[in-house]
Protein backbone atom coordinates (compact mmCIF):
# COMPACT_ATOMS: atom_id res chain seq x y z
CA UNK A 1 29.37 -3.85 -23.32
CA UNK A 2 28.13 -7.45 -23.08
CA UNK A 3 24.44 -7.79 -22.28
CA UNK A 4 24.54 -10.17 -19.33
CA UNK A 5 21.43 -11.28 -17.51
CA UNK A 6 21.16 -11.49 -13.76
CA UNK A 7 21.34 -15.25 -13.96
CA UNK A 8 24.70 -15.21 -15.77
CA UNK A 9 26.05 -12.45 -13.54
CA UNK A 10 25.00 -14.34 -10.42
CA UNK A 11 26.83 -17.46 -11.57
CA UNK A 12 30.02 -15.47 -12.10
CA UNK A 13 29.62 -13.86 -8.69
CA UNK A 14 29.12 -17.18 -7.00
CA UNK A 15 32.41 -18.38 -8.44
CA UNK A 16 34.50 -15.26 -7.74
CA UNK A 17 32.83 -13.71 -4.71
CA UNK A 18 33.59 -10.30 -6.24
CA UNK A 19 31.95 -7.49 -8.16
CA UNK A 20 34.57 -6.75 -10.81
CA UNK A 21 34.53 -3.34 -12.51
CA UNK A 22 36.79 -2.76 -15.52
CA UNK A 23 37.36 0.51 -17.41
CA UNK A 24 34.94 2.77 -15.52
CA UNK A 25 34.84 6.24 -17.14
CA UNK A 26 31.65 7.72 -15.73
CA UNK A 27 31.99 11.48 -15.04
CA UNK A 28 35.46 12.07 -13.58
CA UNK A 29 36.48 8.40 -13.37
CA UNK A 30 39.55 7.61 -15.51
CA UNK A 31 39.64 3.96 -16.66
CA UNK A 32 39.08 2.70 -13.11
CA UNK A 33 39.50 -1.04 -12.46
CA UNK A 34 38.34 -2.32 -9.07
CA UNK A 35 37.27 -5.61 -7.48
CA UNK A 36 34.70 -5.26 -4.67
CA UNK A 37 33.94 -8.10 -2.23
CA UNK A 38 30.35 -9.35 -2.11
CA UNK A 39 28.59 -10.09 1.19
CA UNK A 40 30.59 -7.36 2.92
CA UNK A 41 30.21 -3.71 3.90
CA UNK A 42 32.47 -1.79 1.53
CA UNK A 43 33.13 1.96 1.87
CA UNK A 44 34.30 4.26 -0.92
CA UNK A 45 36.07 7.19 0.72
CA UNK A 46 37.75 10.27 -0.68
CA UNK A 47 37.54 14.03 -0.97
CA UNK A 48 34.58 15.72 -2.56
CA UNK A 49 34.63 15.23 -6.33
CA UNK A 50 36.92 12.20 -6.26
CA UNK A 51 34.32 9.96 -7.94
CA UNK A 52 32.75 8.04 -5.05
CA UNK A 53 29.18 8.57 -6.24
CA UNK A 54 30.18 8.14 -9.89
CA UNK A 55 31.51 4.67 -9.08
CA UNK A 56 28.79 3.54 -6.65
CA UNK A 57 25.71 5.10 -8.24
CA UNK A 58 26.66 6.22 -11.74
CA UNK A 59 28.42 2.97 -12.64
CA UNK A 60 27.60 -0.05 -10.45
CA UNK A 61 24.01 0.78 -9.52
CA UNK A 62 23.23 2.13 -13.00
CA UNK A 63 24.45 -1.08 -14.64
CA UNK A 64 22.44 -3.27 -12.23
CA UNK A 65 19.31 -1.31 -13.10
CA UNK A 66 20.05 -1.46 -16.84
CA UNK A 67 20.29 -5.24 -16.79
CA UNK A 68 17.11 -5.52 -14.78
CA UNK A 69 15.11 -3.30 -17.11
CA UNK A 70 16.29 -5.16 -20.20
CA UNK A 71 14.76 -8.33 -18.74
CA UNK A 72 11.19 -6.97 -18.51
CA UNK A 73 8.56 -5.81 -20.98
CA UNK A 74 8.75 -2.20 -22.20
CA UNK A 75 5.47 -1.18 -20.53
CA UNK A 76 6.75 -2.25 -17.11
CA UNK A 77 9.90 -0.13 -17.23
CA UNK A 78 7.90 2.96 -16.37
CA UNK A 79 7.15 1.62 -12.88
CA UNK A 80 10.63 2.35 -11.49
CA UNK A 81 12.92 5.33 -12.04
CA UNK A 82 15.61 4.28 -14.50
CA UNK A 83 19.31 5.05 -14.25
CA UNK A 84 21.36 5.87 -17.35
CA UNK A 85 23.70 3.52 -19.22
CA UNK A 86 27.12 3.77 -17.52
CA UNK A 87 30.38 4.39 -19.37
CA UNK A 88 32.28 1.24 -18.43
CA UNK A 89 33.95 -1.66 -20.25
CA UNK A 90 32.66 -4.52 -18.09
CA UNK A 91 31.09 -5.37 -14.72
CA UNK A 92 31.00 -9.00 -13.61
CA UNK A 93 29.53 -10.61 -10.51
CA UNK A 94 26.84 -7.96 -10.16
CA UNK A 95 23.76 -8.84 -8.05
CA UNK A 96 20.49 -6.87 -8.06
CA UNK A 97 20.94 -3.46 -6.44
CA UNK A 98 19.07 -0.92 -4.35
CA UNK A 99 20.22 2.67 -3.82
CA UNK A 100 19.80 4.70 -0.64
CA UNK A 101 20.41 8.27 -1.71
CA UNK A 102 21.53 11.36 0.24
CA UNK A 103 18.05 12.35 1.36
CA UNK A 104 15.63 11.77 4.19
CA UNK A 105 13.05 9.16 3.30
CA UNK A 106 9.41 9.99 3.76
CA UNK A 107 7.06 7.37 5.15
CA UNK A 108 3.39 6.98 5.98
CA UNK A 109 0.97 4.32 7.10
CA UNK A 110 1.41 2.54 3.76
CA UNK A 111 5.23 2.50 3.71
CA UNK A 112 7.24 -0.72 3.94
CA UNK A 113 10.79 -1.87 3.31
CA UNK A 114 9.65 -3.19 -0.05
CA UNK A 115 8.08 0.08 -1.16
CA UNK A 116 11.02 2.20 0.01
CA UNK A 117 13.58 0.02 -1.82
CA UNK A 118 11.31 -0.57 -4.87
CA UNK A 119 11.67 -4.36 -4.44
CA UNK A 120 7.88 -4.45 -4.16
CA UNK A 121 7.70 -3.35 -7.79
CA UNK A 122 9.56 -6.49 -8.87
CA UNK A 123 7.27 -8.68 -6.76
CA UNK A 124 4.17 -7.05 -8.24
CA UNK A 125 5.53 -7.58 -11.74
CA UNK A 126 6.20 -11.23 -10.92
CA UNK A 127 2.57 -11.78 -9.90
CA UNK A 128 1.24 -9.80 -12.87
CA UNK A 129 3.30 -11.51 -15.57
CA UNK A 130 3.89 -14.99 -14.18
CA UNK A 131 1.24 -15.59 -11.52
CA UNK A 132 -1.37 -18.37 -11.59
CA UNK A 133 -4.78 -16.82 -12.34
CA UNK A 134 -8.22 -18.30 -11.59
CA UNK A 135 -10.56 -19.08 -14.45
CA UNK A 136 -12.46 -16.25 -16.17
CA UNK A 137 -10.41 -13.46 -14.61
CA UNK A 138 -8.81 -10.74 -16.75
CA UNK A 139 -5.06 -10.46 -16.44
CA UNK A 140 -3.92 -7.76 -14.03
CA UNK A 141 -1.26 -5.11 -14.36
CA UNK A 142 1.51 -4.58 -11.84
CA UNK A 143 -0.26 -1.59 -10.31
CA UNK A 144 -3.27 -3.83 -9.62
CA UNK A 145 -1.09 -5.59 -7.02
CA UNK A 146 -0.24 -2.40 -5.12
CA UNK A 147 -2.33 -1.34 -2.09
CA UNK A 148 -1.06 2.20 -2.66
CA UNK A 149 -2.96 2.67 -5.95
CA UNK A 150 -6.70 3.04 -6.60
CA UNK A 151 -6.46 0.08 -9.00
CA UNK A 152 -5.11 -2.30 -6.35
CA UNK A 153 -6.31 -1.09 -2.95
CA UNK A 154 -8.96 -3.05 -1.08
CA UNK A 155 -12.26 -1.19 -1.59
CA UNK A 156 -13.25 -1.62 2.06
CA UNK A 157 -10.15 -0.44 3.94
CA UNK A 158 -8.65 1.61 1.05
CA UNK A 159 -5.37 -0.28 1.24
CA UNK A 160 -4.67 0.10 4.97
CA UNK A 161 -5.47 -3.48 5.98
CA UNK A 162 -7.60 -2.54 8.96
CA UNK A 163 -10.90 -0.78 9.65
CA UNK A 164 -12.27 1.07 12.63
CA UNK A 165 -15.63 0.30 14.14
CA UNK A 166 -17.58 2.59 16.45
CA UNK A 167 -20.16 0.56 18.34
CA UNK A 168 -23.03 1.42 20.68
CA UNK A 169 -21.36 -0.43 23.56
CA UNK A 170 -18.24 1.72 23.24
CA UNK A 171 -20.04 5.04 22.80
CA UNK A 172 -22.63 4.39 25.55
CA UNK A 173 -20.77 2.59 28.36
CA UNK A 174 -23.58 3.14 30.92
CA UNK A 175 -27.02 2.69 29.30
CA UNK A 176 -28.78 3.43 32.61
CA UNK A 177 -27.97 7.13 32.15
CA UNK A 178 -30.13 9.51 30.12
CA UNK A 179 -28.90 11.66 27.25
CA UNK A 180 -29.04 14.69 29.54
CA UNK A 181 -26.86 12.78 32.01
CA UNK A 182 -24.29 12.30 29.20
CA UNK A 183 -25.07 8.69 28.40
CA UNK A 184 -23.39 9.22 25.00
CA UNK A 185 -19.81 9.43 26.25
CA UNK A 186 -18.39 9.83 22.75
CA UNK A 187 -20.09 13.18 22.24
CA UNK A 188 -17.97 16.29 22.77
CA UNK A 189 -17.87 17.88 26.23
CA UNK A 190 -18.93 21.39 27.23
CA UNK A 191 -21.06 23.56 24.94
CA UNK A 192 -20.87 21.39 21.81
CA UNK A 193 -22.30 18.41 23.68
CA UNK A 194 -25.04 20.57 25.18
CA UNK A 195 -25.81 21.87 21.69
CA UNK A 196 -26.39 18.33 20.40
CA UNK A 197 -28.66 17.52 23.34
CA UNK A 198 -30.69 20.72 22.74
CA UNK A 199 -31.04 19.80 19.06
CA UNK A 200 -32.49 16.42 20.05
CA UNK A 201 -34.99 18.19 22.30
CA UNK A 202 -36.10 20.35 19.35
CA UNK A 203 -36.46 17.18 17.26
CA UNK A 204 -38.76 15.61 19.86
CA UNK A 205 -36.43 13.03 21.43
CA UNK A 206 -36.72 12.31 25.17
CA UNK A 207 -33.35 13.28 26.67
CA UNK A 208 -34.44 12.51 30.27
CA UNK A 209 -35.36 8.87 29.75
CA UNK A 210 -32.68 6.21 30.47
CA UNK A 211 -30.85 5.30 27.28
CA UNK A 212 -31.70 1.60 27.59
CA UNK A 213 -35.42 2.44 27.63
CA UNK A 214 -35.38 4.43 24.38
CA UNK A 215 -36.71 2.65 21.27
CA UNK A 216 -33.94 0.93 19.31
CA UNK A 217 -34.89 2.88 16.21
CA UNK A 218 -34.24 6.14 18.08
CA UNK A 219 -30.97 4.91 19.58
CA UNK A 220 -29.67 3.77 16.20
CA UNK A 221 -30.54 7.07 14.52
CA UNK A 222 -28.91 9.19 17.24
CA UNK A 223 -25.71 7.14 17.13
CA UNK A 224 -25.30 6.08 13.51
CA UNK A 225 -27.20 8.47 11.23
CA UNK A 226 -25.31 10.16 8.41
CA UNK A 227 -28.04 12.81 8.15
CA UNK A 228 -27.22 16.33 9.36
CA UNK A 229 -30.56 18.11 9.91
CA UNK A 230 -30.60 21.77 10.94
CA UNK A 231 -33.33 22.80 13.41
CA UNK A 232 -34.23 25.77 15.67
CA UNK A 233 -32.61 25.66 19.11
CA UNK A 234 -34.00 27.41 22.18
CA UNK A 235 -31.11 27.63 24.63
CA UNK A 236 -32.05 27.15 28.30
CA UNK A 237 -35.61 26.02 27.56
CA UNK A 238 -37.09 22.90 29.11
CA UNK A 239 -38.49 20.26 26.75
CA UNK A 240 -42.02 21.53 27.40
CA UNK A 241 -40.99 25.14 26.76
CA UNK A 242 -39.22 24.08 23.57
CA UNK A 243 -42.35 22.33 22.27
CA UNK A 244 -44.41 25.42 23.01
CA UNK A 245 -41.88 27.71 21.29
CA UNK A 246 -41.85 25.51 18.20
CA UNK A 247 -45.65 25.48 18.11
CA UNK A 248 -45.79 29.28 18.31
CA UNK A 249 -42.89 29.58 15.80
CA UNK A 250 -40.89 31.75 18.15
CA UNK A 251 -37.54 33.19 17.07
CA UNK A 252 -34.90 30.59 18.11
CA UNK A 253 -31.63 31.33 19.89
CA UNK A 254 -29.87 29.91 16.82
CA UNK A 255 -30.15 27.19 14.18
CA UNK A 256 -28.29 24.04 15.22
CA UNK A 257 -27.01 21.22 12.98
CA UNK A 258 -27.07 17.68 14.33
CA UNK A 259 -24.22 15.20 13.91
CA UNK A 260 -24.54 11.51 14.75
CA UNK A 261 -22.26 10.19 17.47
CA UNK A 262 -20.31 7.84 15.19
CA UNK A 263 -19.99 10.50 12.48
CA UNK A 264 -18.58 12.92 15.06
CA UNK A 265 -15.98 10.39 16.25
CA UNK A 266 -14.76 9.44 12.78
CA UNK A 267 -14.75 13.00 11.44
CA UNK A 268 -12.87 14.32 14.47
CA UNK A 269 -10.29 11.52 14.32
CA UNK A 270 -9.64 12.13 10.62
CA UNK A 271 -9.63 15.93 10.58
CA UNK A 272 -8.77 17.46 13.94
CA UNK A 273 -5.44 19.23 14.34
CA UNK A 274 -5.54 18.65 18.10
CA UNK A 275 -3.62 15.63 19.39
CA UNK A 276 -5.70 15.69 22.57
CA UNK A 277 -8.98 15.60 20.64
CA UNK A 278 -7.73 12.75 18.45
CA UNK A 279 -6.62 10.82 21.52
CA UNK A 280 -10.00 11.38 23.17
CA UNK A 281 -12.13 10.15 20.28
CA UNK A 282 -9.77 7.24 19.57
CA UNK A 283 -11.03 5.68 22.82
CA UNK A 284 -14.35 5.10 21.08
CA UNK A 285 -12.87 3.37 18.02
CA UNK A 286 -12.25 -0.36 17.81
CA UNK A 287 -9.63 -1.36 15.23
CA UNK A 288 -9.70 -4.78 13.61
CA UNK A 289 -8.42 -6.46 10.43
CA UNK A 290 -10.38 -5.58 7.33
CA UNK A 291 -13.14 -8.17 6.80
CA UNK A 292 -12.67 -8.05 3.02
CA UNK A 293 -8.90 -8.42 2.57
CA UNK A 294 -8.15 -9.82 6.07
CA UNK A 295 -5.30 -7.37 6.55
CA UNK A 296 -3.66 -8.01 3.16
CA UNK A 297 -4.64 -4.54 1.86
CA UNK A 298 -5.46 -5.60 -1.72
CA UNK A 299 -8.62 -6.07 -3.77
CA UNK A 300 -9.98 -9.64 -4.08
CA UNK A 301 -8.96 -9.99 -7.75
CA UNK A 302 -5.29 -9.40 -6.87
CA UNK A 303 -5.40 -11.81 -3.93
CA UNK A 304 -6.85 -14.56 -6.13
CA UNK A 305 -3.57 -14.72 -8.10
CA UNK A 306 -0.85 -16.96 -6.65
CA UNK A 307 2.83 -17.56 -7.20
CA UNK A 308 4.51 -20.63 -5.70
CA UNK A 309 1.16 -21.40 -4.11
CA UNK A 310 0.74 -18.17 -2.10
CA UNK A 311 -1.01 -14.89 -2.83
CA UNK A 312 0.96 -11.64 -2.82
CA UNK A 313 -0.34 -10.64 0.62
CA UNK A 314 1.07 -13.82 2.16
CA UNK A 315 4.22 -13.51 0.05
CA UNK A 316 5.03 -10.04 1.43
CA UNK A 317 4.83 -11.40 5.00
CA UNK A 318 7.27 -14.29 4.49
CA UNK A 319 10.66 -13.87 6.29
CA UNK A 320 13.60 -13.44 3.92
CA UNK A 321 15.19 -16.79 4.72
CA UNK A 322 11.92 -18.61 3.96
CA UNK A 323 11.36 -16.46 0.88
CA UNK A 324 14.57 -17.67 -0.74
CA UNK A 325 13.61 -21.29 -0.04
CA UNK A 326 10.14 -20.69 -1.52
CA UNK A 327 11.42 -19.22 -4.79
CA UNK A 328 14.61 -21.22 -5.33
CA UNK A 329 12.95 -24.25 -7.02
CA UNK A 330 11.19 -22.00 -9.55
CA UNK A 331 14.34 -19.97 -10.15
CA UNK A 332 16.09 -23.29 -10.92
CA UNK A 333 13.34 -24.35 -13.35
CA UNK A 334 11.32 -26.66 -11.05
CA UNK A 335 7.69 -25.56 -11.43
CA UNK A 336 6.04 -28.21 -9.28
CA UNK A 337 5.62 -25.68 -6.46
CA UNK A 338 3.99 -23.16 -8.80
CA UNK A 339 0.26 -23.87 -9.11
CA UNK A 340 -0.79 -24.11 -12.72
CA UNK A 341 -3.81 -21.86 -12.43
CA UNK A 342 -6.27 -21.54 -15.29
CA UNK A 343 -5.85 -20.70 -18.93
CA UNK A 344 -6.20 -17.03 -19.74
CA UNK A 345 -9.71 -15.87 -20.63
CA UNK A 346 -8.98 -13.84 -23.75
CA UNK A 347 -12.48 -12.35 -23.91
CA UNK A 348 -12.24 -11.16 -20.29
CA UNK A 349 -8.84 -9.67 -21.04
CA UNK A 350 -10.24 -7.88 -24.10
CA UNK A 351 -13.07 -6.40 -22.01
CA UNK A 352 -10.58 -5.32 -19.38
CA UNK A 353 -8.46 -3.55 -21.99
CA UNK A 354 -11.53 -1.76 -23.36
CA UNK A 355 -12.56 -0.60 -19.88
CA UNK A 356 -9.05 0.67 -19.14
CA UNK A 357 -8.93 2.55 -22.46
CA UNK A 358 -12.35 4.10 -21.82
CA UNK A 359 -11.21 5.38 -18.42
CA UNK A 360 -8.01 6.85 -19.87
CA UNK A 361 -5.62 4.31 -18.35
CA UNK A 362 -2.80 2.60 -20.23
CA UNK A 363 -3.58 -0.67 -21.99
CA UNK A 364 -0.20 -1.48 -23.58
CA UNK A 365 -1.97 -3.43 -26.30
CA UNK A 366 1.02 -3.43 -28.63
CA UNK A 367 3.57 -4.64 -26.08
CA UNK A 368 4.54 -8.33 -25.97
CA UNK A 369 2.64 -9.64 -22.96
CA UNK A 370 3.22 -13.08 -21.48
CA UNK A 371 0.18 -12.51 -19.25
CA UNK A 372 -2.00 -13.26 -22.27
CA UNK A 373 -0.60 -16.79 -22.62
CA UNK A 374 -1.77 -19.90 -20.82
CA UNK A 375 -0.75 -20.38 -17.22
CA UNK A 376 2.36 -22.48 -17.76
CA UNK A 377 3.29 -21.77 -21.37
CA UNK A 378 6.98 -21.63 -22.26
CA UNK A 379 6.85 -17.84 -22.14
CA UNK A 380 5.39 -17.85 -18.65
CA UNK A 381 7.88 -20.46 -17.46
CA UNK A 382 10.75 -18.26 -18.59
CA UNK A 383 9.19 -15.16 -17.05
CA UNK A 384 8.50 -16.97 -13.78
CA UNK A 385 12.03 -18.36 -13.63
CA UNK A 386 13.66 -15.02 -14.39
CA UNK A 387 11.49 -12.95 -12.04
CA UNK A 388 11.72 -15.48 -9.21
CA UNK A 389 15.50 -15.33 -9.50
CA UNK A 390 15.38 -11.56 -9.53
CA UNK A 391 13.33 -11.48 -6.31
CA UNK A 392 15.29 -14.28 -4.63
CA UNK A 393 18.72 -12.74 -5.18
CA UNK A 394 18.17 -9.68 -2.94
CA UNK A 395 16.82 -11.98 -0.22
CA UNK A 396 20.28 -13.53 0.11
CA UNK A 397 22.57 -10.81 -1.20
CA UNK A 398 22.17 -7.42 -2.81
CA UNK A 399 24.35 -4.48 -3.74
CA UNK A 400 23.19 -1.55 -1.63
CA UNK A 401 24.60 1.87 -2.49
CA UNK A 402 24.53 4.38 0.35
CA UNK A 403 25.09 8.04 -0.52
CA UNK A 404 26.48 10.01 2.44
CA UNK A 405 27.11 13.76 2.61
CA UNK A 406 30.73 14.88 2.15
CA UNK A 407 30.57 16.95 5.31
């Protein structure tokens, strides 16, 4: 069948307002011809086995994906699951497509509309292949623009966009109290808290002195140390009796392991199976945007690349109506809004390839790669125009295939 690009297909669609399918023979379809309105909710109904999914997914969605994958470099095609080539004579007026299959989607703290629909993959490819890079920076791969991969995630917040701080003011709300009087409110209650206080007694700390009067060095160690020393504990002994027992090397009640107050809070929040315990320790955590990525979730190298004057973190926050306006000039061939960036540093790119090969990651050295050309070469202009159009089209209209159970 004719190999039409999204640009040509979009022009036809704009004129007809229809997705026109001719001669569909996928699975049990028999030379089906159908015209489907764009910008409308269209339902394919019928008994089980009548060909609803073969038309929606096996034909229309598969052809949209085929055209998209033919427009990108071979190495990039592995980033998204590919549909097969449909058995059909022609499909005209076909916009980019997303498919919502007959299954419950799974989500987590990193999920977004873009990641669920795979539109984020196209955006990442656009920044990788056609973005404006700063001087002396190796070219990045699409996965370097994903906060969900080790290659792209911000090293400080690990791709979440925010960090949690546990401060002295939060953990010790009343510094006039002593440790024995439970000045460290973030410590666990009951026996576990008493155990930590007894360990401090064995280590020579004054648990009866007001917290504010303890040396800062001692306060900082008790709250923030990552050390976990194990010492003898003499349950029920006074501080004086404990010192005497240690001097005489008496048999202890047990050996206790110390945990700093901040370490306890963070470890409990991350690992406890108790919702009540997690809720309790969360009171001692102060969330704020990551100081490295400022909430954008990506490593600095990825955020230094721009397209249409914005980095990918800002791009993913732009409302859809503004997104179309941002990309439309580039999709139409007007590159004034697209910062020129710097010429590619070939030596830096070579070093990057060598490092990736040494670590076992793909380098795609034999694939045609417009990222290795200067910022606004003809190849990059074409890639930017094509990819901007591919991202812009779903912002205004997209074919969405919904698979619903038959019963």
